[in-house]
Amino acid sequence: MVSDRVEMHHNVGLQRDNWNTLLLNSANMITLSAAIMSGMAATCPVGSNETLLALKLSSTLLFCAATVLLLVMNKIQPSQLAEEQRNATRLFKQLQTKMEATIALRSPSEEDVNDAIEKVLALDRAYPLPLLGAMLDKFPEKFEPTVWWPRPISITTSQHTKEEEEWVE
């Protein structure tokens, strides 16, 4: 399970880094195009009003588009998201290495398993995968414990064995 998390966070980190590069290059190219159009409008002869108006309008629209794109980037922060995924990948790899070392050196105890489960769940909460749509709140209003798997239901009939009683407890 941990190796799957390492792979997922690594892939999502690469994807978010690509998004960041794409958005940043797009904003830079839009701004450069708008600046070139503004420069061309400044050097246009006075007699060509239609060309001058078209260049001014186009450059204004491109500057507005670049501004909107940068506002969206500031809201989503793809570079920060990519960095979080790199951190998640690193931490999951550390956990995987620790688990493999524990298994290689000795038979893991129940405490080792519970500790690993707690760490996986903590990392899952700290570094969620969804970006938009199902985005998780980092600071939810209501805190509830994460359930790894459902607890066994207690049996109230007197027909169960002593082993079943120990399992239920």
C-alpha atoms as a PDB file:
ATOM      1  CA  MET A   1       0.000   0.000   0.000  1.00  0.00           C
ATOM      2  CA  VAL A   2       2.813   2.397   0.851  1.00  0.00           C
ATOM      3  CA  SER A   3       4.640   1.691  -2.419  1.00  0.00           C
ATOM      4  CA  ASP A   4       1.397   2.499  -4.271  1.00  0.00           C
ATOM      5  CA  ARG A   5       1.197   5.809  -2.406  1.00  0.00           C
ATOM      6  CA  VAL A   6       4.818   6.569  -3.348  1.00  0.00           C
ATOM      7  CA  GLU A   7       4.021   5.964  -7.012  1.00  0.00           C
ATOM      8  CA  MET A   8       0.758   7.953  -6.916  1.00  0.00           C
ATOM      9  CA  HIS A   9       2.315  10.984  -5.222  1.00  0.00           C
ATOM     10  CA  HIS A  10       5.303  10.853  -7.572  1.00  0.00           C
ATOM     11  CA  ASN A  11       3.049  10.793 -10.651  1.00  0.00           C
ATOM     12  CA  VAL A  12       0.774  13.545  -9.328  1.00  0.00           C
ATOM     13  CA  GLY A  13       3.844  15.618  -8.434  1.00  0.00           C
ATOM     14  CA  LEU A  14       5.165  15.327 -11.993  1.00  0.00           C
ATOM     15  CA  GLN A  15       1.751  16.248 -13.361  1.00  0.00           C
ATOM     16  CA  ARG A  16       1.460  19.301 -11.108  1.00  0.00           C
ATOM     17  CA  ASP A  17       4.981  20.378 -11.991  1.00  0.00           C
ATOM     18  CA  ASN A  18       4.036  20.141 -15.685  1.00  0.00           C
ATOM     19  CA  TRP A  19       0.909  22.221 -15.016  1.00  0.00           C
ATOM     20  CA  ASN A  20       3.022  24.841 -13.274  1.00  0.00           C
ATOM     21  CA  THR A  21       5.479  25.014 -16.168  1.00  0.00           C
ATOM     22  CA  LEU A  22       2.693  25.166 -18.742  1.00  0.00           C
ATOM     23  CA  LEU A  23       0.779  27.915 -16.925  1.00  0.00           C
ATOM     24  CA  LEU A  24       3.906  29.963 -16.236  1.00  0.00           C
ATOM     25  CA  ASN A  25       5.106  29.718 -19.849  1.00  0.00           C
ATOM     26  CA  SER A  26       1.625  30.605 -21.102  1.00  0.00           C
ATOM     27  CA  ALA A  27       1.436  33.694 -18.876  1.00  0.00           C
ATOM     28  CA  ASN A  28       4.915  34.787 -19.980  1.00  0.00           C
ATOM     29  CA  MET A  29       4.118  34.333 -23.689  1.00  0.00           C
ATOM     30  CA  ILE A  30       0.788  36.178 -23.382  1.00  0.00           C
ATOM     31  CA  THR A  31       2.512  39.066 -21.598  1.00  0.00           C
ATOM     32  CA  LEU A  32       5.323  39.148 -24.175  1.00  0.00           C
ATOM     33  CA  SER A  33       2.808  39.187 -27.048  1.00  0.00           C
ATOM     34  CA  ALA A  34       0.846  42.003 -25.410  1.00  0.00           C
ATOM     35  CA  ALA A  35       4.022  44.027 -24.852  1.00  0.00           C
ATOM     36  CA  ILE A  36       5.076  43.572 -28.486  1.00  0.00           C
ATOM     37  CA  MET A  37       1.622  44.680 -29.667  1.00  0.00           C
ATOM     38  CA  SER A  38       1.805  47.758 -27.408  1.00  0.00           C
ATOM     39  CA  GLY A  39       5.214  48.589 -28.859  1.00  0.00           C
ATOM     40  CA  MET A  40       3.903  48.184 -32.387  1.00  0.00           C
ATOM     41  CA  ALA A  41       0.937  50.419 -31.552  1.00  0.00           C
ATOM     42  CA  ALA A  42       3.317  53.094 -30.280  1.00  0.00           C
ATOM     43  CA  THR A  43       5.318  53.048 -33.506  1.00  0.00           C
ATOM     44  CA  CYS A  44       2.286  52.992 -35.859  1.00  0.00           C
ATOM     45  CA  PRO A  45       1.897  55.963 -38.195  1.00  0.00           C
ATOM     46  CA  VAL A  46      -0.778  58.444 -37.121  1.00  0.00           C
ATOM     47  CA  GLY A  47      -2.911  57.929 -40.240  1.00  0.00           C
ATOM     48  CA  SER A  48      -3.744  54.218 -39.642  1.00  0.00           C
ATOM     49  CA  ASN A  49      -6.422  54.445 -36.960  1.00  0.00           C
ATOM     50  CA  GLU A  50      -7.899  50.979 -37.569  1.00  0.00           C
ATOM     51  CA  THR A  51      -4.534  49.261 -37.159  1.00  0.00           C
ATOM     52  CA  LEU A  52      -3.733  51.341 -34.090  1.00  0.00           C
ATOM     53  CA  LEU A  53      -7.105  50.544 -32.505  1.00  0.00           C
ATOM     54  CA  ALA A  54      -6.731  46.825 -33.282  1.00  0.00           C
ATOM     55  CA  LEU A  55      -3.254  46.671 -31.739  1.00  0.00           C
ATOM     56  CA  LYS A  56      -4.324  48.599 -28.638  1.00  0.00           C
ATOM     57  CA  LEU A  57      -7.437  46.457 -28.180  1.00  0.00           C
ATOM     58  CA  SER A  58      -5.536  43.206 -28.751  1.00  0.00           C
ATOM     59  CA  SER A  59      -2.766  44.119 -26.333  1.00  0.00           C
ATOM     60  CA  THR A  60      -5.313  45.175 -23.710  1.00  0.00           C
ATOM     61  CA  LEU A  61      -7.154  41.869 -24.068  1.00  0.00           C
ATOM     62  CA  LEU A  62      -3.904  39.919 -23.823  1.00  0.00           C
ATOM     63  CA  PHE A  63      -2.823  41.816 -20.700  1.00  0.00           C
ATOM     64  CA  CYS A  64      -6.243  41.092 -19.150  1.00  0.00           C
ATOM     65  CA  ALA A  65      -5.940  37.407 -20.062  1.00  0.00           C
ATOM     66  CA  ALA A  66      -2.470  37.240 -18.506  1.00  0.00           C
ATOM     67  CA  THR A  67      -3.796  38.918 -15.356  1.00  0.00           C
ATOM     68  CA  VAL A  68      -6.661  36.433 -15.057  1.00  0.00           C
ATOM     69  CA  LEU A  69      -4.288  33.522 -15.636  1.00  0.00           C
ATOM     70  CA  LEU A  70      -1.955  34.775 -12.925  1.00  0.00           C
ATOM     71  CA  LEU A  71      -4.877  35.256 -10.536  1.00  0.00           C
ATOM     72  CA  VAL A  72      -5.917  31.644 -11.125  1.00  0.00           C
ATOM     73  CA  MET A  73      -2.340  30.499 -10.608  1.00  0.00           C
ATOM     74  CA  ASN A  74      -2.144  32.418  -7.333  1.00  0.00           C
ATOM     75  CA  LYS A  75      -5.329  30.718  -6.159  1.00  0.00           C
ATOM     76  CA  ILE A  76      -4.301  27.167  -7.127  1.00  0.00           C
ATOM     77  CA  GLN A  77      -0.527  27.612  -6.578  1.00  0.00           C
ATOM     78  CA  PRO A  78       0.661  24.722  -8.770  1.00  0.00           C
ATOM     79  CA  SER A  79       4.309  25.164  -7.763  1.00  0.00           C
ATOM     80  CA  GLN A  80       3.388  24.760  -4.086  1.00  0.00           C
ATOM     81  CA  LEU A  81       1.231  21.724  -4.906  1.00  0.00           C
ATOM     82  CA  ALA A  82       4.115  20.143  -6.816  1.00  0.00           C
ATOM     83  CA  GLU A  83       6.434  20.757  -3.852  1.00  0.00           C
ATOM     84  CA  GLU A  84       3.913  19.156  -1.481  1.00  0.00           C
ATOM     85  CA  GLN A  85       3.767  16.084  -3.707  1.00  0.00           C
ATOM     86  CA  ARG A  86       7.570  15.845  -3.698  1.00  0.00           C
ATOM     87  CA  ASN A  87       7.505  16.002   0.107  1.00  0.00           C
ATOM     88  CA  ALA A  88       4.768  13.359   0.263  1.00  0.00           C
ATOM     89  CA  THR A  89       6.757  11.080  -2.050  1.00  0.00           C
ATOM     90  CA  ARG A  90       9.868  11.514   0.094  1.00  0.00           C
ATOM     91  CA  LEU A  91       8.015  10.813   3.356  1.00  0.00           C
ATOM     92  CA  PHE A  92       6.206   7.761   1.963  1.00  0.00           C
ATOM     93  CA  LYS A  93       9.542   6.415   0.666  1.00  0.00           C
ATOM     94  CA  GLN A  94      11.053   6.873   4.142  1.00  0.00           C
ATOM     95  CA  LEU A  95       8.118   5.028   5.664  1.00  0.00           C
ATOM     96  CA  GLN A  96       8.425   2.240   3.101  1.00  0.00           C
ATOM     97  CA  THR A  97      12.146   1.871   3.813  1.00  0.00           C
ATOM     98  CA  LYS A  98      11.521   1.757   7.563  1.00  0.00           C
ATOM     99  CA  MET A  99       8.815  -0.881   7.138  1.00  0.00           C
ATOM    100  CA  GLU A 100      11.019  -3.005   4.885  1.00  0.00           C
ATOM    101  CA  ALA A 101      13.901  -2.751   7.368  1.00  0.00           C
ATOM    102  CA  THR A 102      11.641  -3.783  10.245  1.00  0.00           C
ATOM    103  CA  ILE A 103      10.391  -6.799   8.294  1.00  0.00           C
ATOM    104  CA  ALA A 104      13.925  -7.754   7.258  1.00  0.00           C
ATOM    105  CA  LEU A 105      15.374  -7.529  10.777  1.00  0.00           C
ATOM    106  CA  ARG A 106      12.589  -9.097  12.815  1.00  0.00           C
ATOM    107  CA  SER A 107       9.014 -10.170  12.763  1.00  0.00           C
ATOM    108  CA  PRO A 108       6.866  -7.045  13.089  1.00  0.00           C
ATOM    109  CA  SER A 109       4.810  -6.749  16.258  1.00  0.00           C
ATOM    110  CA  GLU A 110       1.269  -5.465  16.509  1.00  0.00           C
ATOM    111  CA  GLU A 111       2.699  -2.172  17.769  1.00  0.00           C
ATOM    112  CA  ASP A 112       4.829  -1.876  14.612  1.00  0.00           C
ATOM    113  CA  VAL A 113       1.769  -2.468  12.439  1.00  0.00           C
ATOM    114  CA  ASN A 114      -0.323   0.078  14.361  1.00  0.00           C
ATOM    115  CA  ASP A 115       2.508   2.607  14.179  1.00  0.00           C
ATOM    116  CA  ALA A 116       2.801   2.131  10.403  1.00  0.00           C
ATOM    117  CA  ILE A 117      -0.967   2.458   9.980  1.00  0.00           C
ATOM    118  CA  GLU A 118      -0.985   5.694  11.991  1.00  0.00           C
ATOM    119  CA  LYS A 119       1.829   7.121   9.911  1.00  0.00           C
ATOM    120  CA  VAL A 120       0.151   6.204   6.610  1.00  0.00           C
ATOM    121  CA  LEU A 121      -3.119   7.780   7.714  1.00  0.00           C
ATOM    122  CA  ALA A 122      -1.334  10.890   8.982  1.00  0.00           C
ATOM    123  CA  LEU A 123       0.499  11.288   5.674  1.00  0.00           C
ATOM    124  CA  ASP A 124      -2.748  10.746   3.760  1.00  0.00           C
ATOM    125  CA  ARG A 125      -4.380  13.538   5.754  1.00  0.00           C
ATOM    126  CA  ALA A 126      -1.366  15.844   5.421  1.00  0.00           C
ATOM    127  CA  TYR A 127      -0.910  15.325   1.685  1.00  0.00           C
ATOM    128  CA  PRO A 128      -4.277  14.703  -0.018  1.00  0.00           C
ATOM    129  CA  LEU A 129      -4.240  13.785  -3.698  1.00  0.00           C
ATOM    130  CA  PRO A 130      -7.329  15.629  -5.035  1.00  0.00           C
ATOM    131  CA  LEU A 131      -6.749  19.111  -6.419  1.00  0.00           C
ATOM    132  CA  LEU A 132     -10.140  20.432  -7.474  1.00  0.00           C
ATOM    133  CA  GLY A 133     -13.673  19.095  -7.265  1.00  0.00           C
ATOM    134  CA  ALA A 134     -13.098  16.792  -4.316  1.00  0.00           C
ATOM    135  CA  MET A 135     -10.520  19.065  -2.723  1.00  0.00           C
ATOM    136  CA  LEU A 136     -10.081  18.326   0.952  1.00  0.00           C
ATOM    137  CA  ASP A 137     -10.136  21.031   3.601  1.00  0.00           C
ATOM    138  CA  LYS A 138      -6.853  21.379   5.436  1.00  0.00           C
ATOM    139  CA  PHE A 139      -8.722  22.904   8.381  1.00  0.00           C
ATOM    140  CA  PRO A 140     -12.162  21.272   8.580  1.00  0.00           C
ATOM    141  CA  GLU A 141     -14.784  22.623  10.975  1.00  0.00           C
ATOM    142  CA  LYS A 142     -15.489  19.197  12.467  1.00  0.00           C
ATOM    143  CA  PHE A 143     -12.721  16.776  13.413  1.00  0.00           C
ATOM    144  CA  GLU A 144     -13.432  13.055  13.247  1.00  0.00           C
ATOM    145  CA  PRO A 145     -11.020  10.170  13.637  1.00  0.00           C
ATOM    146  CA  THR A 146     -10.050   8.361  10.486  1.00  0.00           C
ATOM    147  CA  VAL A 147     -11.299   4.776  10.365  1.00  0.00           C
ATOM    148  CA  TRP A 148      -8.841   2.240   9.013  1.00  0.00           C
ATOM    149  CA  TRP A 149     -11.391  -0.571   8.930  1.00  0.00           C
ATOM    150  CA  PRO A 150     -14.676  -1.120  10.765  1.00  0.00           C
ATOM    151  CA  ARG A 151     -14.506  -2.523  14.261  1.00  0.00           C
ATOM    152  CA  PRO A 152     -16.044  -5.973  14.680  1.00  0.00           C
ATOM    153  CA  ILE A 153     -19.589  -5.895  15.996  1.00  0.00           C
ATOM    154  CA  SER A 154     -20.008  -7.410  19.443  1.00  0.00           C
ATOM    155  CA  ILE A 155     -21.995 -10.627  19.552  1.00  0.00           C
ATOM    156  CA  THR A 156     -24.697 -10.676  22.208  1.00  0.00           C
ATOM    157  CA  THR A 157     -25.807 -14.282  21.899  1.00  0.00           C
ATOM    158  CA  SER A 158     -24.391 -16.937  24.218  1.00  0.00           C
ATOM    159  CA  GLN A 159     -23.562 -19.282  21.329  1.00  0.00           C
ATOM    160  CA  HIS A 160     -20.160 -17.807  20.479  1.00  0.00           C
ATOM    161  CA  THR A 161     -16.850 -19.331  21.442  1.00  0.00           C
ATOM    162  CA  LYS A 162     -14.138 -17.919  23.680  1.00  0.00           C
ATOM    163  CA  GLU A 163     -11.980 -17.091  20.616  1.00  0.00           C
ATOM    164  CA  GLU A 164     -14.827 -15.026  19.177  1.00  0.00           C
ATOM    165  CA  GLU A 165     -15.122 -13.151  22.489  1.00  0.00           C
ATOM    166  CA  GLU A 166     -11.410 -12.295  22.395  1.00  0.00           C
ATOM    167  CA  TRP A 167     -11.740 -11.105  18.801  1.00  0.00           C
ATOM    168  CA  VAL A 168     -14.675  -8.853  19.626  1.00  0.00           C
ATOM    169  CA  GLU A 169     -12.864  -7.289  22.574  1.00  0.00           C
END
